Amino acid sequence: MGKMKITCEEATTICTKSQYGEATLIDKIKVKLHFAMCKVCRRFSKQNSELSSVCALAKKYQEKHKCCLSEQDKALWKEKIKQLEKED
């Protein structure tokens, strides 16, 4: 059982790897055991999954609707950047 025990840092790393299909079966078992004892890491995993889902939806929406800044918005941003550079 000692080899199966992992830290919170290891658990969050495995959780993230798992979302991208990069975690091994042993890693997944370790993280499940850790989640059984650690409420904080369980919450991190849930929130990380939700954030990934929202990002994926935003990406699909952007690709479908070809969303981008208008030329007017781009010019406005460029002007703001120039102003910030002058302040430095």
N, C-alpha and C. Protein backbone atom coordinates (compact mmCIF):
# COMPACT_ATOMS: atom_id res chain seq x y z
N MET A 1 0.83 -1.20 0.00
CA MET A 1 0.00 0.00 0.00
C MET A 1 0.86 1.25 0.00
N GLY A 2 2.08 1.16 0.54
CA GLY A 2 2.96 2.32 0.61
C GLY A 2 3.31 2.88 -0.76
N LYS A 3 3.48 2.01 -1.74
CA LYS A 3 3.81 2.44 -3.09
C LYS A 3 2.61 3.07 -3.79
N MET A 4 1.44 2.80 -3.28
CA MET A 4 0.22 3.34 -3.89
C MET A 4 -0.12 4.72 -3.34
N LYS A 5 0.49 5.10 -2.23
CA LYS A 5 0.21 6.40 -1.63
C LYS A 5 0.96 7.49 -2.39
N ILE A 6 0.24 8.55 -2.75
CA ILE A 6 0.84 9.66 -3.49
C ILE A 6 0.51 10.98 -2.80
N THR A 7 1.28 12.00 -3.12
CA THR A 7 1.05 13.33 -2.56
C THR A 7 -0.05 14.04 -3.36
N CYS A 8 -0.53 15.14 -2.84
CA CYS A 8 -1.53 15.94 -3.56
C CYS A 8 -0.95 16.46 -4.87
N GLU A 9 0.31 16.84 -4.86
CA GLU A 9 0.94 17.34 -6.08
C GLU A 9 0.97 16.24 -7.16
N GLU A 10 1.31 15.03 -6.76
CA GLU A 10 1.32 13.91 -7.70
C GLU A 10 -0.10 13.62 -8.19
N ALA A 11 -1.07 13.72 -7.30
CA ALA A 11 -2.46 13.45 -7.67
C ALA A 11 -2.96 14.45 -8.70
N THR A 12 -2.64 15.72 -8.52
CA THR A 12 -3.11 16.72 -9.49
C THR A 12 -2.41 16.53 -10.84
N THR A 13 -1.15 16.13 -10.81
CA THR A 13 -0.44 15.86 -12.07
C THR A 13 -1.07 14.68 -12.80
N ILE A 14 -1.35 13.62 -12.08
CA ILE A 14 -1.97 12.44 -12.68
C ILE A 14 -3.36 12.78 -13.19
N CYS A 15 -4.10 13.56 -12.42
CA CYS A 15 -5.45 13.98 -12.82
C CYS A 15 -5.39 14.70 -14.17
N THR A 16 -4.47 15.61 -14.30
CA THR A 16 -4.33 16.37 -15.55
C THR A 16 -3.90 15.45 -16.69
N LYS A 17 -2.94 14.58 -16.43
CA LYS A 17 -2.48 13.63 -17.45
C LYS A 17 -3.64 12.73 -17.89
N SER A 18 -4.47 12.34 -16.95
CA SER A 18 -5.59 11.45 -17.24
C SER A 18 -6.58 12.10 -18.21
N GLN A 19 -6.80 13.39 -18.05
CA GLN A 19 -7.73 14.10 -18.94
C GLN A 19 -7.24 14.10 -20.38
N TYR A 20 -5.94 13.99 -20.57
CA TYR A 20 -5.38 13.98 -21.92
C TYR A 20 -5.00 12.57 -22.37
N GLY A 21 -5.46 11.56 -21.62
CA GLY A 21 -5.22 10.17 -21.98
C GLY A 21 -3.77 9.73 -21.82
N GLU A 22 -3.03 10.40 -20.94
CA GLU A 22 -1.61 10.11 -20.77
C GLU A 22 -1.29 9.36 -19.47
N ALA A 23 -2.28 9.12 -18.64
CA ALA A 23 -2.04 8.44 -17.36
C ALA A 23 -2.11 6.93 -17.55
N THR A 24 -1.24 6.22 -16.84
CA THR A 24 -1.25 4.76 -16.90
C THR A 24 -2.36 4.22 -16.00
N LEU A 25 -2.65 2.94 -16.13
CA LEU A 25 -3.66 2.31 -15.28
C LEU A 25 -3.25 2.41 -13.81
N ILE A 26 -1.99 2.17 -13.52
CA ILE A 26 -1.50 2.26 -12.13
C ILE A 26 -1.69 3.68 -11.61
N ASP A 27 -1.37 4.69 -12.44
CA ASP A 27 -1.56 6.08 -12.03
C ASP A 27 -3.02 6.34 -11.69
N LYS A 28 -3.92 5.85 -12.53
CA LYS A 28 -5.36 6.06 -12.31
C LYS A 28 -5.82 5.41 -11.00
N ILE A 29 -5.30 4.24 -10.71
CA ILE A 29 -5.65 3.56 -9.45
C ILE A 29 -5.12 4.37 -8.27
N LYS A 30 -3.87 4.83 -8.37
CA LYS A 30 -3.28 5.63 -7.29
C LYS A 30 -4.11 6.88 -7.02
N VAL A 31 -4.51 7.55 -8.09
CA VAL A 31 -5.25 8.80 -7.89
C VAL A 31 -6.65 8.53 -7.32
N LYS A 32 -7.27 7.43 -7.72
CA LYS A 32 -8.58 7.08 -7.15
C LYS A 32 -8.46 6.81 -5.65
N LEU A 33 -7.40 6.11 -5.26
CA LEU A 33 -7.17 5.86 -3.82
C LEU A 33 -6.93 7.18 -3.08
N HIS A 34 -6.18 8.07 -3.71
CA HIS A 34 -5.91 9.37 -3.09
C HIS A 34 -7.20 10.17 -2.94
N PHE A 35 -8.04 10.14 -3.98
CA PHE A 35 -9.32 10.87 -3.93
C PHE A 35 -10.21 10.37 -2.81
N ALA A 36 -10.10 9.07 -2.48
CA ALA A 36 -10.91 8.51 -1.41
C ALA A 36 -10.58 9.16 -0.07
N MET A 37 -9.35 9.69 0.04
CA MET A 37 -8.92 10.30 1.31
C MET A 37 -8.82 11.82 1.25
N CYS A 38 -8.79 12.39 0.06
CA CYS A 38 -8.50 13.82 -0.06
C CYS A 38 -9.62 14.57 -0.78
N LYS A 39 -10.38 15.30 -0.01
CA LYS A 39 -11.50 16.07 -0.54
C LYS A 39 -11.02 17.21 -1.45
N VAL A 40 -9.90 17.81 -1.12
CA VAL A 40 -9.38 18.94 -1.89
C VAL A 40 -9.01 18.49 -3.30
N CYS A 41 -8.34 17.37 -3.43
CA CYS A 41 -7.94 16.87 -4.74
C CYS A 41 -9.15 16.40 -5.55
N ARG A 42 -10.15 15.84 -4.88
CA ARG A 42 -11.39 15.47 -5.59
C ARG A 42 -12.01 16.72 -6.20
N ARG A 43 -12.05 17.81 -5.42
CA ARG A 43 -12.62 19.06 -5.91
C ARG A 43 -11.79 19.61 -7.06
N PHE A 44 -10.46 19.56 -6.93
CA PHE A 44 -9.58 20.01 -8.01
C PHE A 44 -9.89 19.25 -9.29
N SER A 45 -10.02 17.94 -9.18
CA SER A 45 -10.27 17.11 -10.35
C SER A 45 -11.59 17.51 -11.02
N LYS A 46 -12.61 17.70 -10.23
CA LYS A 46 -13.91 18.09 -10.77
C LYS A 46 -13.83 19.46 -11.45
N GLN A 47 -13.21 20.42 -10.78
CA GLN A 47 -13.10 21.76 -11.34
C GLN A 47 -12.23 21.77 -12.61
N ASN A 48 -11.16 20.98 -12.60
CA ASN A 48 -10.28 20.90 -13.76
C ASN A 48 -11.02 20.31 -14.96
N SER A 49 -11.83 19.30 -14.70
CA SER A 49 -12.64 18.69 -15.78
C SER A 49 -13.64 19.69 -16.35
N GLU A 50 -14.29 20.41 -15.46
CA GLU A 50 -15.27 21.41 -15.90
C GLU A 50 -14.60 22.51 -16.72
N LEU A 51 -13.44 22.96 -16.27
CA LEU A 51 -12.71 24.00 -16.99
C LEU A 51 -12.29 23.48 -18.37
N SER A 52 -11.81 22.27 -18.45
CA SER A 52 -11.43 21.68 -19.74
C SER A 52 -12.63 21.59 -20.67
N SER A 53 -13.78 21.22 -20.14
CA SER A 53 -15.00 21.13 -20.95
C SER A 53 -15.41 22.50 -21.49
N VAL A 54 -15.35 23.51 -20.64
CA VAL A 54 -15.70 24.86 -21.07
C VAL A 54 -14.75 25.35 -22.16
N CYS A 55 -13.47 25.08 -21.98
CA CYS A 55 -12.47 25.48 -22.99
C CYS A 55 -12.72 24.77 -24.31
N ALA A 56 -13.05 23.49 -24.25
CA ALA A 56 -13.33 22.73 -25.46
C ALA A 56 -14.57 23.28 -26.17
N LEU A 57 -15.60 23.62 -25.42
CA LEU A 57 -16.81 24.20 -26.01
C LEU A 57 -16.51 25.55 -26.65
N ALA A 58 -15.72 26.36 -25.96
CA ALA A 58 -15.36 27.67 -26.50
C ALA A 58 -14.58 27.53 -27.80
N LYS A 59 -13.68 26.56 -27.83
CA LYS A 59 -12.89 26.32 -29.03
C LYS A 59 -13.79 25.88 -30.19
N LYS A 60 -14.73 24.97 -29.92
CA LYS A 60 -15.65 24.51 -30.96
C LYS A 60 -16.50 25.68 -31.47
N TYR A 61 -16.99 26.50 -30.56
CA TYR A 61 -17.81 27.65 -30.94
C TYR A 61 -17.01 28.60 -31.82
N GLN A 62 -15.77 28.87 -31.40
CA GLN A 62 -14.91 29.79 -32.15
C GLN A 62 -14.64 29.25 -33.54
N GLU A 63 -14.38 27.96 -33.65
CA GLU A 63 -14.11 27.35 -34.95
C GLU A 63 -15.35 27.37 -35.84
N LYS A 64 -16.51 27.11 -35.25
CA LYS A 64 -17.75 27.07 -36.01
C LYS A 64 -18.15 28.45 -36.51
N HIS A 65 -17.99 29.46 -35.66
CA HIS A 65 -18.46 30.80 -35.99
C HIS A 65 -17.36 31.72 -36.51
N LYS A 66 -16.15 31.19 -36.59
CA LYS A 66 -15.01 31.98 -37.08
C LYS A 66 -14.92 33.32 -36.35
N CYS A 67 -15.04 33.25 -35.03
CA CYS A 67 -14.99 34.45 -34.19
C CYS A 67 -13.58 35.01 -34.16
N CYS A 68 -13.52 36.27 -34.31
CA CYS A 68 -12.24 36.95 -34.15
C CYS A 68 -12.53 38.43 -33.93
N LEU A 69 -11.51 39.16 -33.58
CA LEU A 69 -11.67 40.59 -33.36
C LEU A 69 -11.92 41.31 -34.68
N SER A 70 -12.77 42.31 -34.62
CA SER A 70 -12.99 43.13 -35.80
C SER A 70 -11.75 43.99 -36.04
N GLU A 71 -11.64 44.55 -37.22
CA GLU A 71 -10.50 45.42 -37.53
C GLU A 71 -10.48 46.62 -36.59
N GLN A 72 -11.65 47.11 -36.25
CA GLN A 72 -11.75 48.25 -35.33
C GLN A 72 -11.24 47.86 -33.94
N ASP A 73 -11.62 46.68 -33.46
CA ASP A 73 -11.16 46.21 -32.16
C ASP A 73 -9.64 46.00 -32.16
N LYS A 74 -9.12 45.44 -33.26
CA LYS A 74 -7.68 45.23 -33.37
C LYS A 74 -6.93 46.56 -33.29
N ALA A 75 -7.43 47.56 -34.00
CA ALA A 75 -6.79 48.89 -33.98
C ALA A 75 -6.83 49.48 -32.58
N LEU A 76 -7.95 49.29 -31.89
CA LEU A 76 -8.09 49.79 -30.52
C LEU A 76 -7.08 49.13 -29.58
N TRP A 77 -6.93 47.81 -29.70
CA TRP A 77 -5.97 47.08 -28.87
C TRP A 77 -4.55 47.53 -29.17
N LYS A 78 -4.23 47.70 -30.44
CA LYS A 78 -2.89 48.15 -30.81
C LYS A 78 -2.60 49.51 -30.20
N GLU A 79 -3.58 50.39 -30.22
CA GLU A 79 -3.40 51.73 -29.64
C GLU A 79 -3.19 51.64 -28.13
N LYS A 80 -3.95 50.79 -27.47
CA LYS A 80 -3.79 50.61 -26.01
C LYS A 80 -2.40 50.06 -25.69
N ILE A 81 -1.92 49.13 -26.50
CA ILE A 81 -0.59 48.56 -26.27
C ILE A 81 0.48 49.64 -26.44
N LYS A 82 0.32 50.46 -27.46
CA LYS A 82 1.28 51.56 -27.68
C LYS A 82 1.29 52.51 -26.49
N GLN A 83 0.11 52.82 -25.96
CA GLN A 83 0.02 53.71 -24.80
C GLN A 83 0.73 53.10 -23.58
N LEU A 84 0.53 51.80 -23.38
CA LEU A 84 1.18 51.13 -22.25
C LEU A 84 2.69 51.11 -22.42
N GLU A 85 3.15 50.93 -23.65
CA GLU A 85 4.61 50.93 -23.91
C GLU A 85 5.19 52.30 -23.63
N LYS A 86 4.45 53.37 -23.94
CA LYS A 86 4.93 54.73 -23.69
C LYS A 86 5.03 55.01 -22.18
N GLU A 87 4.15 54.39 -21.40
CA GLU A 87 4.13 54.61 -19.95
C GLU A 87 5.34 53.98 -19.27
N ASP A 88 5.89 52.95 -19.88
CA ASP A 88 7.04 52.24 -19.28
C ASP A 88 8.28 52.98 -19.47
